Amino acid sequence: MSDRFLFWVPTLIWATTWHTILYQLGEVSVLHSVALRFGLASAMLFSIARWRGESLRVPPRMHLWLMLTGAVQYGFNYMSTYHSEQHLASGLVAVVFTLMIFSNAMAGALFFGQPMTRRFMAFSGVGVFGIALIFWPDIAAAQANTGVWVGMAWALMAISFATVGNVLTLRLTRGGLSLVPVLAWSMGYGALTLVLVAAASGIAFVVDARWTYWASLVYLSAFGSVAAFLLYFKLAQRQGPGRAALMGMVIPVIALVVSALFEGWRPTAVSAAGIALCLAGLWGATRPVVAKP
């Protein structure tokens, strides 16, 4: 699989999950819905590992690291994201999450020795500014929101958890564990974390009878979790977590196209300029480095 395939397929998948998650909202609590998503994804990954003949056994001490990875990446990360969206508009959350490009790049340099070029950082900044323009109405409206700082704190926590989860996953795979079993175990532990948090919070589990809820759950598990995370981490293994996180620059743009098709969103001159800057930032940040003669 080419690097372009590894980049664009999860990008397109995660862009469509913005709309798909709307069908998850209803009777079932967010914690239980996300737990179901990653619990089902974990079962799928275990089945894939069996089909491929990969061993699912890991040393007992490694289970502690897998538990930590699952709790951070698929538990606390998603929990913090949903908490942030209770205080912030989803557009502002998308803007904040583009900062993960820089946190991932710094983590890649610190833990894996992958350089952060000035061109990469500069063009990434252009893309982040483009995302800010796209969602400028949300940013402007946030000034009147009394809970904006609480929401920002939750969003920054989510970024921190996601960055740490990326580092832990790559560390485990570089330590000799295969990617599919690592994701299978960690997603399972992440689902368990969310179930325990829901129980400690006194949140009762409710069954949603709508077929759209269960169809969207299968899509989010099979494509939004299994396929997307497998390809994302394959790309991160090849090019580093910083370049893989550039997906966060493009996902909101494609998600808005989906929104225009299904939810009636219409671009403005400012949002169109933001989209152009995003594409320019992506082009500049992904250009290959040409060695000087």
Protein backbone atom coordinates (compact mmCIF):
# COMPACT_ATOMS: atom_id res chain seq x y z
CA MET A 1 0.00 0.00 0.00
CA SER A 2 1.34 3.40 -1.00
CA ASP A 3 1.69 6.26 1.47
CA ARG A 4 -1.00 8.16 -0.42
CA PHE A 5 -3.40 5.26 0.07
CA LEU A 6 -2.53 5.10 3.77
CA PHE A 7 -3.19 8.83 4.09
CA TRP A 8 -6.33 9.35 2.04
CA VAL A 9 -8.39 6.27 2.94
CA PRO A 10 -8.51 6.90 6.72
CA THR A 11 -8.91 10.63 6.01
CA LEU A 12 -12.01 9.97 3.91
CA ILE A 13 -13.36 7.48 6.45
CA TRP A 14 -12.93 9.79 9.45
CA ALA A 15 -14.43 12.69 7.49
CA THR A 16 -17.63 10.67 7.00
CA THR A 17 -17.77 9.66 10.67
CA TRP A 18 -18.63 13.27 11.60
CA HIS A 19 -22.00 12.74 9.93
CA THR A 20 -22.36 9.09 10.98
CA ILE A 21 -21.97 9.94 14.69
CA LEU A 22 -25.20 11.97 14.45
CA TYR A 23 -27.10 8.66 14.24
CA GLN A 24 -25.51 7.60 17.54
CA LEU A 25 -27.02 10.48 19.47
CA GLY A 26 -30.20 9.55 21.29
CA GLU A 27 -31.12 7.17 24.08
CA VAL A 28 -27.74 5.49 24.63
CA SER A 29 -25.18 7.47 26.62
CA VAL A 30 -22.06 8.68 24.85
CA LEU A 31 -19.82 6.55 27.08
CA HIS A 32 -21.74 3.38 26.30
CA SER A 33 -21.93 4.15 22.57
CA VAL A 34 -18.17 4.65 22.31
CA ALA A 35 -17.58 1.55 24.47
CA LEU A 36 -19.77 -0.48 22.10
CA ARG A 37 -17.89 0.97 19.13
CA PHE A 38 -14.45 -0.05 20.38
CA GLY A 39 -15.66 -3.30 21.93
CA LEU A 40 -17.02 -4.40 18.56
CA ALA A 41 -13.88 -3.12 16.80
CA SER A 42 -11.74 -5.12 19.24
CA ALA A 43 -13.68 -8.31 18.44
CA MET A 44 -13.20 -7.65 14.70
CA LEU A 45 -9.47 -7.14 15.14
CA PHE A 46 -9.12 -10.34 17.17
CA SER A 47 -10.89 -12.17 14.33
CA ILE A 48 -8.57 -10.59 11.76
CA ALA A 49 -5.52 -11.63 13.78
CA ARG A 50 -6.81 -15.21 13.99
CA TRP A 51 -7.52 -15.27 10.26
CA ARG A 52 -4.00 -14.02 9.53
CA GLY A 53 -2.51 -16.57 11.90
CA GLU A 54 -1.07 -13.93 14.22
CA SER A 55 -0.51 -14.84 17.84
CA LEU A 56 -2.68 -12.97 20.32
CA ARG A 57 -0.52 -13.93 23.27
CA VAL A 58 1.56 -11.18 24.80
CA PRO A 59 3.80 -11.27 27.90
CA PRO A 60 1.85 -10.47 31.09
CA ARG A 61 3.87 -7.31 31.73
CA MET A 62 2.91 -6.01 28.29
CA HIS A 63 -0.77 -6.15 29.21
CA LEU A 64 -0.16 -3.26 31.60
CA TRP A 65 1.11 -1.17 28.69
CA LEU A 66 -1.79 -2.29 26.51
CA MET A 67 -4.24 -1.35 29.26
CA LEU A 68 -2.62 2.07 29.57
CA THR A 69 -2.66 2.55 25.79
CA GLY A 70 -6.32 1.56 25.53
CA ALA A 71 -7.40 3.72 28.47
CA VAL A 72 -5.56 6.77 27.12
CA GLN A 73 -6.16 6.42 23.36
CA TYR A 74 -9.67 4.99 23.18
CA GLY A 75 -11.03 5.80 26.63
CA PHE A 76 -9.99 9.13 28.10
CA ASN A 77 -9.27 10.68 24.67
CA TYR A 78 -12.81 10.12 23.38
CA MET A 79 -14.38 10.93 26.74
CA SER A 80 -12.55 14.27 26.84
CA THR A 81 -13.53 15.02 23.25
CA TYR A 82 -17.23 14.55 23.94
CA HIS A 83 -16.96 16.60 27.15
CA SER A 84 -15.34 19.43 25.16
CA GLU A 85 -18.20 19.37 22.66
CA GLN A 86 -20.65 19.95 25.49
CA HIS A 87 -19.09 23.40 25.92
CA LEU A 88 -17.74 24.20 22.45
CA ALA A 89 -19.18 24.14 18.95
CA SER A 90 -17.89 21.18 16.95
CA GLY A 91 -16.15 23.56 14.54
CA LEU A 92 -14.05 25.07 17.33
CA VAL A 93 -13.19 21.57 18.56
CA ALA A 94 -11.98 20.75 15.04
CA VAL A 95 -9.76 23.84 15.07
CA VAL A 96 -8.23 22.89 18.42
CA PHE A 97 -7.64 19.32 17.27
CA THR A 98 -5.50 20.48 14.34
CA LEU A 99 -2.92 21.42 16.97
CA MET A 100 -2.26 17.69 17.28
CA ILE A 101 -0.14 18.04 14.15
CA PHE A 102 2.43 19.92 16.27
CA SER A 103 2.13 17.75 19.39
CA ASN A 104 2.56 14.60 17.29
CA ALA A 105 5.51 16.12 15.43
CA MET A 106 7.21 17.03 18.72
CA ALA A 107 6.52 13.55 20.11
CA GLY A 108 7.98 11.99 16.96
CA ALA A 109 11.14 14.09 17.31
CA LEU A 110 11.46 13.38 21.04
CA PHE A 111 10.76 9.65 21.11
CA PHE A 112 11.57 8.43 17.59
CA GLY A 113 14.19 10.88 16.33
CA GLN A 114 12.06 12.09 13.41
CA PRO A 115 13.05 15.65 12.43
CA MET A 116 10.62 18.57 12.40
CA THR A 117 11.53 20.68 9.38
CA ARG A 118 10.78 24.38 9.36
CA ARG A 119 8.85 23.96 6.13
CA PHE A 120 6.63 21.27 7.67
CA MET A 121 5.87 23.43 10.70
CA ALA A 122 5.29 26.57 8.61
CA PHE A 123 2.92 24.97 6.12
CA SER A 124 1.13 23.11 8.93
CA GLY A 125 0.57 26.50 10.52
CA VAL A 126 -0.93 27.73 7.23
CA GLY A 127 -3.32 24.79 7.25
CA VAL A 128 -4.34 25.37 10.87
CA PHE A 129 -5.04 29.02 10.05
CA GLY A 130 -7.19 27.82 7.15
CA ILE A 131 -9.22 25.61 9.51
CA ALA A 132 -9.67 28.63 11.80
CA LEU A 133 -11.07 30.65 8.88
CA ILE A 134 -13.47 27.87 7.92
CA PHE A 135 -14.92 27.80 11.42
CA TRP A 136 -14.53 31.52 12.13
CA PRO A 137 -18.22 31.96 13.12
CA ASP A 138 -17.75 29.34 15.87
CA ILE A 139 -14.59 31.08 17.08
CA ALA A 140 -16.30 34.48 17.12
CA ALA A 141 -19.33 33.10 18.96
CA ALA A 142 -17.10 31.45 21.58
CA GLN A 143 -16.37 34.85 23.14
CA ALA A 144 -19.92 34.93 24.51
CA ASN A 145 -19.76 31.35 25.77
CA THR A 146 -19.09 31.25 29.52
CA GLY A 147 -17.96 27.62 29.33
CA VAL A 148 -15.45 28.14 26.54
CA TRP A 149 -12.39 27.75 28.79
CA VAL A 150 -13.78 24.54 30.28
CA GLY A 151 -14.35 23.22 26.78
CA MET A 152 -10.87 24.28 25.69
CA ALA A 153 -9.36 22.49 28.69
CA TRP A 154 -11.19 19.27 27.78
CA ALA A 155 -10.12 19.59 24.12
CA LEU A 156 -6.46 20.11 25.07
CA MET A 157 -6.67 17.11 27.40
CA ALA A 158 -8.04 15.04 24.52
CA ILE A 159 -5.13 16.12 22.31
CA SER A 160 -2.67 15.18 25.05
CA PHE A 161 -4.28 11.76 25.53
CA ALA A 162 -4.30 11.11 21.76
CA THR A 163 -0.64 12.09 21.42
CA VAL A 164 0.42 9.88 24.31
CA GLY A 165 -1.69 7.03 22.87
CA ASN A 166 0.05 7.39 19.51
CA VAL A 167 3.47 7.20 21.14
CA LEU A 168 2.52 4.16 23.23
CA THR A 169 1.10 2.30 20.22
CA LEU A 170 4.18 2.95 18.10
CA ARG A 171 6.46 2.00 21.02
CA LEU A 172 4.64 -1.33 21.42
CA THR A 173 4.87 -2.16 17.72
CA ARG A 174 8.53 -1.14 17.55
CA GLY A 175 9.11 -3.36 20.57
CA GLY A 176 8.16 -6.44 18.58
CA LEU A 177 4.38 -6.68 18.91
CA SER A 178 2.30 -6.87 15.75
CA LEU A 179 -0.03 -3.93 15.04
CA VAL A 180 -3.29 -5.89 14.73
CA PRO A 181 -3.05 -7.60 18.16
CA VAL A 182 -1.89 -4.32 19.75
CA LEU A 183 -4.98 -2.53 18.44
CA ALA A 184 -7.25 -5.45 19.32
CA TRP A 185 -6.13 -5.54 22.95
CA SER A 186 -5.90 -1.78 23.42
CA MET A 187 -9.34 -1.09 21.92
CA GLY A 188 -10.79 -3.79 24.14
CA TYR A 189 -9.20 -2.22 27.21
CA GLY A 190 -10.40 1.21 26.05
CA ALA A 191 -13.98 -0.07 25.84
CA LEU A 192 -13.65 -1.58 29.31
CA THR A 193 -12.36 1.76 30.64
CA LEU A 194 -15.43 3.59 29.34
CA VAL A 195 -17.79 0.97 30.80
CA LEU A 196 -16.13 1.36 34.21
CA VAL A 197 -16.33 5.17 34.00
CA ALA A 198 -20.02 4.95 33.11
CA ALA A 199 -20.66 2.58 36.02
CA ALA A 200 -18.77 4.83 38.45
CA SER A 201 -20.82 7.79 37.18
CA GLY A 202 -24.08 5.93 37.72
CA ILE A 203 -25.02 6.01 34.03
CA ALA A 204 -27.44 3.22 33.14
CA PHE A 205 -27.16 1.34 29.85
CA VAL A 206 -30.16 1.77 27.55
CA VAL A 207 -30.81 -0.20 24.35
CA ASP A 208 -31.60 1.90 21.28
CA ALA A 209 -34.19 0.21 19.06
CA ARG A 210 -33.43 2.27 15.92
CA TRP A 211 -31.81 0.35 13.07
CA THR A 212 -29.89 3.50 12.11
CA TYR A 213 -28.14 3.43 15.51
CA TRP A 214 -26.86 -0.11 15.01
CA ALA A 215 -25.98 0.40 11.34
CA SER A 216 -23.94 3.48 12.22
CA LEU A 217 -22.32 1.56 15.09
CA VAL A 218 -21.16 -1.16 12.69
CA TYR A 219 -19.79 1.47 10.29
CA LEU A 220 -17.96 3.33 13.07
CA SER A 221 -16.48 0.06 14.35
CA ALA A 222 -15.52 -1.60 11.06
CA PHE A 223 -14.41 1.47 9.12
CA GLY A 224 -13.99 4.33 11.60
CA SER A 225 -12.03 2.18 14.06
CA VAL A 226 -10.61 -1.02 12.52
CA ALA A 227 -9.75 0.12 8.97
CA ALA A 228 -8.92 3.76 9.74
CA PHE A 229 -6.69 3.13 12.76
CA LEU A 230 -4.86 0.26 11.04
CA LEU A 231 -4.01 2.44 8.05
CA TYR A 232 -3.28 5.51 10.19
CA PHE A 233 -0.74 3.67 12.33
CA LYS A 234 0.79 2.03 9.25
CA LEU A 235 1.42 5.53 7.93
CA ALA A 236 2.71 6.72 11.31
CA GLN A 237 5.16 3.81 11.35
CA ARG A 238 6.50 4.84 7.94
CA GLN A 239 6.46 8.64 8.08
CA GLY A 240 6.09 9.49 11.76
CA PRO A 241 3.11 10.61 13.85
CA GLY A 242 3.45 14.26 12.82
CA ARG A 243 2.90 13.66 9.11
CA ALA A 244 0.13 11.17 9.85
CA ALA A 245 -1.64 13.81 11.94
CA LEU A 246 -1.90 16.02 8.84
CA MET A 247 -5.14 14.11 8.28
CA GLY A 248 -6.65 16.41 10.90
CA MET A 249 -6.09 19.33 8.52
CA VAL A 250 -8.12 17.76 5.71
CA ILE A 251 -10.81 15.84 7.58
CA PRO A 252 -12.88 18.95 8.50
CA VAL A 253 -12.79 20.14 4.87
CA ILE A 254 -14.13 16.83 3.53
CA ALA A 255 -16.61 16.62 6.42
CA LEU A 256 -18.01 19.99 5.34
CA VAL A 257 -18.47 18.66 1.81
CA VAL A 258 -20.46 15.77 3.30
CA SER A 259 -22.40 18.30 5.37
CA ALA A 260 -23.16 20.32 2.24
CA LEU A 261 -24.56 17.20 0.58
CA PHE A 262 -26.65 15.90 3.48
CA GLU A 263 -27.13 18.73 5.98
CA GLY A 264 -27.47 21.87 3.85
CA TRP A 265 -24.17 23.59 4.77
CA ARG A 266 -23.20 26.36 2.33
CA PRO A 267 -19.69 27.83 2.03
CA THR A 268 -18.92 31.53 2.39
CA ALA A 269 -16.08 33.56 0.93
CA VAL A 270 -14.16 33.27 4.22
CA SER A 271 -14.66 29.50 4.49
CA ALA A 272 -13.65 29.09 0.82
CA ALA A 273 -10.42 30.99 1.55
CA GLY A 274 -9.87 28.72 4.56
CA ILE A 275 -10.30 25.62 2.42
CA ALA A 276 -7.76 26.98 -0.07
CA LEU A 277 -5.25 27.60 2.74
CA CYS A 278 -5.80 24.07 4.08
CA LEU A 279 -5.02 22.55 0.71
CA ALA A 280 -1.98 24.82 0.29
CA GLY A 281 -0.74 23.88 3.75
CA LEU A 282 -1.16 20.17 3.03
CA TRP A 283 0.67 20.51 -0.29
CA GLY A 284 3.60 22.33 1.28
CA ALA A 285 3.86 20.11 4.36
CA THR A 286 3.88 16.86 2.35
CA ARG A 287 6.32 17.89 -0.37
CA PRO A 288 9.35 15.59 -0.41
CA VAL A 289 12.59 17.03 0.85
CA VAL A 290 15.04 17.53 -2.01
CA ALA A 291 18.63 16.91 -1.02
CA LYS A 292 21.03 19.72 -1.88
CA PRO A 293 23.85 18.77 -4.28
